[in-house]
């Protein structure tokens, strides 16, 4: 007989928004690249998550956060030493993981020593830009 199927993962004990940080390595990512995530403003909080040289994910309660990606070589993840990059993707609904085809809210590769973003969850995409105003109508012909 086959073993019974595994139960689905249990939901978190509170409403939260999942995020995914994908890091594609350049030649030095495992030693040069790190990141941290904390509640904004930083003066009032400790680092929530951090890692060196690898991707990460988690589930955040509603609030404002700051993600910073660091590069000790101060040359980002691109281009002289490989074509690396990073992308931060945030779910659009509580307690669901970001879809694989969800657009990231921040990407980077050539950024120098660090790249940062402050974002709020639940994440609301910025509204589209309004269309430009049409040119004024010419005056009526006398």
C-alpha atoms as a PDB file:
ATOM      1  CA  UNK A   1       0.000   0.000   0.000  1.00  0.00           C
ATOM      2  CA  UNK A   2       1.134   3.555  -0.681  1.00  0.00           C
ATOM      3  CA  UNK A   3       1.613   6.007   2.158  1.00  0.00           C
ATOM      4  CA  UNK A   4      -1.197   8.525   2.693  1.00  0.00           C
ATOM      5  CA  UNK A   5      -0.722  11.889   0.954  1.00  0.00           C
ATOM      6  CA  UNK A   6       0.949  14.637   2.950  1.00  0.00           C
ATOM      7  CA  UNK A   7      -1.431  17.163   4.472  1.00  0.00           C
ATOM      8  CA  UNK A   8      -1.344  20.657   2.947  1.00  0.00           C
ATOM      9  CA  UNK A   9       0.886  23.142   4.780  1.00  0.00           C
ATOM     10  CA  UNK A  10      -0.907  24.917   7.574  1.00  0.00           C
ATOM     11  CA  UNK A  11      -1.530  28.649   7.115  1.00  0.00           C
ATOM     12  CA  UNK A  12       0.457  31.105   9.220  1.00  0.00           C
ATOM     13  CA  UNK A  13      -1.091  32.018  12.594  1.00  0.00           C
ATOM     14  CA  UNK A  14      -1.798  35.590  11.373  1.00  0.00           C
ATOM     15  CA  UNK A  15      -2.566  37.354   8.100  1.00  0.00           C
ATOM     16  CA  UNK A  16       0.692  37.976   6.317  1.00  0.00           C
ATOM     17  CA  UNK A  17       2.059  38.743   2.868  1.00  0.00           C
ATOM     18  CA  UNK A  18       4.634  36.420   1.351  1.00  0.00           C
ATOM     19  CA  UNK A  19       7.682  37.785  -0.434  1.00  0.00           C
ATOM     20  CA  UNK A  20      10.398  36.154  -2.506  1.00  0.00           C
ATOM     21  CA  UNK A  21      13.898  37.552  -3.094  1.00  0.00           C
ATOM     22  CA  UNK A  22      15.621  35.819  -6.014  1.00  0.00           C
ATOM     23  CA  UNK A  23      19.364  36.311  -6.379  1.00  0.00           C
ATOM     24  CA  UNK A  24      21.201  35.204  -9.504  1.00  0.00           C
ATOM     25  CA  UNK A  25      24.897  34.976  -8.729  1.00  0.00           C
ATOM     26  CA  UNK A  26      27.712  36.856 -10.360  1.00  0.00           C
ATOM     27  CA  UNK A  27      31.160  35.366  -9.894  1.00  0.00           C
ATOM     28  CA  UNK A  28      31.438  36.594  -6.285  1.00  0.00           C
ATOM     29  CA  UNK A  29      27.860  36.466  -4.923  1.00  0.00           C
ATOM     30  CA  UNK A  30      28.545  33.868  -2.245  1.00  0.00           C
ATOM     31  CA  UNK A  31      31.228  36.038  -0.681  1.00  0.00           C
ATOM     32  CA  UNK A  32      30.270  39.600  -1.676  1.00  0.00           C
ATOM     33  CA  UNK A  33      26.484  39.857  -1.790  1.00  0.00           C
ATOM     34  CA  UNK A  34      24.219  40.026   1.243  1.00  0.00           C
ATOM     35  CA  UNK A  35      20.810  41.448   2.091  1.00  0.00           C
ATOM     36  CA  UNK A  36      18.704  42.431   5.045  1.00  0.00           C
ATOM     37  CA  UNK A  37      15.061  43.218   5.667  1.00  0.00           C
ATOM     38  CA  UNK A  38      13.714  45.214   8.579  1.00  0.00           C
ATOM     39  CA  UNK A  39      10.678  47.190   9.716  1.00  0.00           C
ATOM     40  CA  UNK A  40      10.875  50.806   8.616  1.00  0.00           C
ATOM     41  CA  UNK A  41      11.926  53.121  10.250  1.00  0.00           C
ATOM     42  CA  UNK A  42      15.062  51.202  11.131  1.00  0.00           C
ATOM     43  CA  UNK A  43      15.805  53.108  14.334  1.00  0.00           C
ATOM     44  CA  UNK A  44      12.888  51.295  15.930  1.00  0.00           C
ATOM     45  CA  UNK A  45      13.588  47.759  14.760  1.00  0.00           C
ATOM     46  CA  UNK A  46      16.122  45.011  14.482  1.00  0.00           C
ATOM     47  CA  UNK A  47      16.868  43.116  11.286  1.00  0.00           C
ATOM     48  CA  UNK A  48      14.045  40.627  10.622  1.00  0.00           C
ATOM     49  CA  UNK A  49      15.829  38.513   7.999  1.00  0.00           C
ATOM     50  CA  UNK A  50      19.281  38.538   6.467  1.00  0.00           C
ATOM     51  CA  UNK A  51      21.464  36.293   4.367  1.00  0.00           C
ATOM     52  CA  UNK A  52      24.732  36.241   2.468  1.00  0.00           C
ATOM     53  CA  UNK A  53      24.928  35.027  -1.114  1.00  0.00           C
ATOM     54  CA  UNK A  54      21.547  33.362  -1.381  1.00  0.00           C
ATOM     55  CA  UNK A  55      17.888  33.972  -2.152  1.00  0.00           C
ATOM     56  CA  UNK A  56      15.240  34.122   0.553  1.00  0.00           C
ATOM     57  CA  UNK A  57      11.538  34.302   1.298  1.00  0.00           C
ATOM     58  CA  UNK A  58       9.175  34.836   4.172  1.00  0.00           C
ATOM     59  CA  UNK A  59       5.775  36.085   5.275  1.00  0.00           C
ATOM     60  CA  UNK A  60       5.370  39.595   6.680  1.00  0.00           C
ATOM     61  CA  UNK A  61       2.564  41.061   8.788  1.00  0.00           C
ATOM     62  CA  UNK A  62       1.022  44.277   7.458  1.00  0.00           C
ATOM     63  CA  UNK A  63       3.482  47.144   7.759  1.00  0.00           C
ATOM     64  CA  UNK A  64       6.294  49.062   6.089  1.00  0.00           C
ATOM     65  CA  UNK A  65       9.643  47.391   5.391  1.00  0.00           C
ATOM     66  CA  UNK A  66      13.006  48.200   3.891  1.00  0.00           C
ATOM     67  CA  UNK A  67      15.021  45.697   1.863  1.00  0.00           C
ATOM     68  CA  UNK A  68      18.677  46.459   1.178  1.00  0.00           C
ATOM     69  CA  UNK A  69      20.951  44.363  -1.055  1.00  0.00           C
ATOM     70  CA  UNK A  70      24.666  44.962  -0.456  1.00  0.00           C
ATOM     71  CA  UNK A  71      27.725  44.250  -2.587  1.00  0.00           C
ATOM     72  CA  UNK A  72      31.106  44.400  -0.819  1.00  0.00           C
ATOM     73  CA  UNK A  73      32.891  44.766  -4.164  1.00  0.00           C
ATOM     74  CA  UNK A  74      30.765  47.874  -4.803  1.00  0.00           C
ATOM     75  CA  UNK A  75      30.120  46.735  -8.372  1.00  0.00           C
ATOM     76  CA  UNK A  76      26.625  45.266  -7.950  1.00  0.00           C
ATOM     77  CA  UNK A  77      25.907  41.880  -9.485  1.00  0.00           C
ATOM     78  CA  UNK A  78      26.742  42.814 -13.041  1.00  0.00           C
ATOM     79  CA  UNK A  79      28.696  43.134 -15.365  1.00  0.00           C
ATOM     80  CA  UNK A  80      32.497  42.878 -15.201  1.00  0.00           C
ATOM     81  CA  UNK A  81      32.367  39.689 -13.106  1.00  0.00           C
ATOM     82  CA  UNK A  82      29.261  37.997 -14.516  1.00  0.00           C
ATOM     83  CA  UNK A  83      25.620  38.815 -15.210  1.00  0.00           C
ATOM     84  CA  UNK A  84      23.915  38.460 -11.853  1.00  0.00           C
ATOM     85  CA  UNK A  85      20.761  40.181 -10.650  1.00  0.00           C
ATOM     86  CA  UNK A  86      18.160  40.267  -7.901  1.00  0.00           C
ATOM     87  CA  UNK A  87      14.368  40.569  -7.911  1.00  0.00           C
ATOM     88  CA  UNK A  88      11.932  41.194  -5.025  1.00  0.00           C
ATOM     89  CA  UNK A  89       8.423  39.846  -5.618  1.00  0.00           C
ATOM     90  CA  UNK A  90       5.538  40.359  -3.189  1.00  0.00           C
ATOM     91  CA  UNK A  91       2.216  38.481  -3.167  1.00  0.00           C
ATOM     92  CA  UNK A  92      -0.892  40.478  -3.997  1.00  0.00           C
ATOM     93  CA  UNK A  93      -3.066  38.746  -1.370  1.00  0.00           C
ATOM     94  CA  UNK A  94      -2.629  37.713   2.254  1.00  0.00           C
ATOM     95  CA  UNK A  95      -1.497  34.156   2.960  1.00  0.00           C
ATOM     96  CA  UNK A  96      -0.690  33.317  -0.664  1.00  0.00           C
ATOM     97  CA  UNK A  97       2.703  32.935  -2.246  1.00  0.00           C
ATOM     98  CA  UNK A  98       3.718  35.180  -5.159  1.00  0.00           C
ATOM     99  CA  UNK A  99       2.844  33.561  -8.483  1.00  0.00           C
ATOM    100  CA  UNK A 100       5.842  32.535 -10.560  1.00  0.00           C
ATOM    101  CA  UNK A 101       4.828  35.062 -13.226  1.00  0.00           C
ATOM    102  CA  UNK A 102       4.187  37.939 -10.778  1.00  0.00           C
ATOM    103  CA  UNK A 103       6.173  41.031 -11.731  1.00  0.00           C
ATOM    104  CA  UNK A 104       8.828  41.997  -9.171  1.00  0.00           C
ATOM    105  CA  UNK A 105       8.507  45.318  -7.346  1.00  0.00           C
ATOM    106  CA  UNK A 106      12.292  45.832  -7.445  1.00  0.00           C
ATOM    107  CA  UNK A 107      15.036  44.447  -9.655  1.00  0.00           C
ATOM    108  CA  UNK A 108      18.691  45.292  -9.875  1.00  0.00           C
ATOM    109  CA  UNK A 109      22.041  44.223 -11.213  1.00  0.00           C
ATOM    110  CA  UNK A 110      24.362  47.201 -11.760  1.00  0.00           C
ATOM    111  CA  UNK A 111      23.911  49.132  -8.513  1.00  0.00           C
ATOM    112  CA  UNK A 112      27.270  49.848  -6.884  1.00  0.00           C
ATOM    113  CA  UNK A 113      27.548  49.184  -3.133  1.00  0.00           C
ATOM    114  CA  UNK A 114      23.827  48.817  -2.317  1.00  0.00           C
ATOM    115  CA  UNK A 115      20.269  48.989  -3.600  1.00  0.00           C
ATOM    116  CA  UNK A 116      17.220  49.601  -1.351  1.00  0.00           C
ATOM    117  CA  UNK A 117      13.468  49.787  -1.493  1.00  0.00           C
ATOM    118  CA  UNK A 118      10.890  50.731   1.104  1.00  0.00           C
ATOM    119  CA  UNK A 119       7.613  48.900   0.543  1.00  0.00           C
ATOM    120  CA  UNK A 120       4.346  48.363   2.382  1.00  0.00           C
ATOM    121  CA  UNK A 121       2.367  45.162   2.748  1.00  0.00           C
ATOM    122  CA  UNK A 122      -0.224  44.375   1.796  1.00  0.00           C
ATOM    123  CA  UNK A 123       1.417  45.534  -1.429  1.00  0.00           C
ATOM    124  CA  UNK A 124      -0.630  47.812  -3.643  1.00  0.00           C
ATOM    125  CA  UNK A 125       0.804  48.413  -7.082  1.00  0.00           C
ATOM    126  CA  UNK A 126       1.146  52.105  -7.902  1.00  0.00           C
ATOM    127  CA  UNK A 127      -1.790  53.427  -9.912  1.00  0.00           C
ATOM    128  CA  UNK A 128      -1.213  53.848 -13.639  1.00  0.00           C
ATOM    129  CA  UNK A 129      -0.172  57.308 -14.792  1.00  0.00           C
ATOM    130  CA  UNK A 130      -3.077  59.400 -16.033  1.00  0.00           C
ATOM    131  CA  UNK A 131      -3.193  59.997 -19.779  1.00  0.00           C
ATOM    132  CA  UNK A 132      -1.802  63.336 -20.927  1.00  0.00           C
ATOM    133  CA  UNK A 133      -4.280  66.164 -21.285  1.00  0.00           C
ATOM    134  CA  UNK A 134      -5.525  66.631 -24.850  1.00  0.00           C
ATOM    135  CA  UNK A 135      -4.415  69.830 -26.554  1.00  0.00           C
ATOM    136  CA  UNK A 136      -6.884  72.715 -26.246  1.00  0.00           C
ATOM    137  CA  UNK A 137      -9.458  73.045 -28.984  1.00  0.00           C
ATOM    138  CA  UNK A 138      -8.899  75.916 -31.416  1.00  0.00           C
ATOM    139  CA  UNK A 139     -11.218  78.880 -30.968  1.00  0.00           C
ATOM    140  CA  UNK A 140     -14.421  78.777 -33.013  1.00  0.00           C
ATOM    141  CA  UNK A 141     -14.226  80.242 -36.491  1.00  0.00           C
ATOM    142  CA  UNK A 142     -15.898  83.706 -36.592  1.00  0.00           C
END
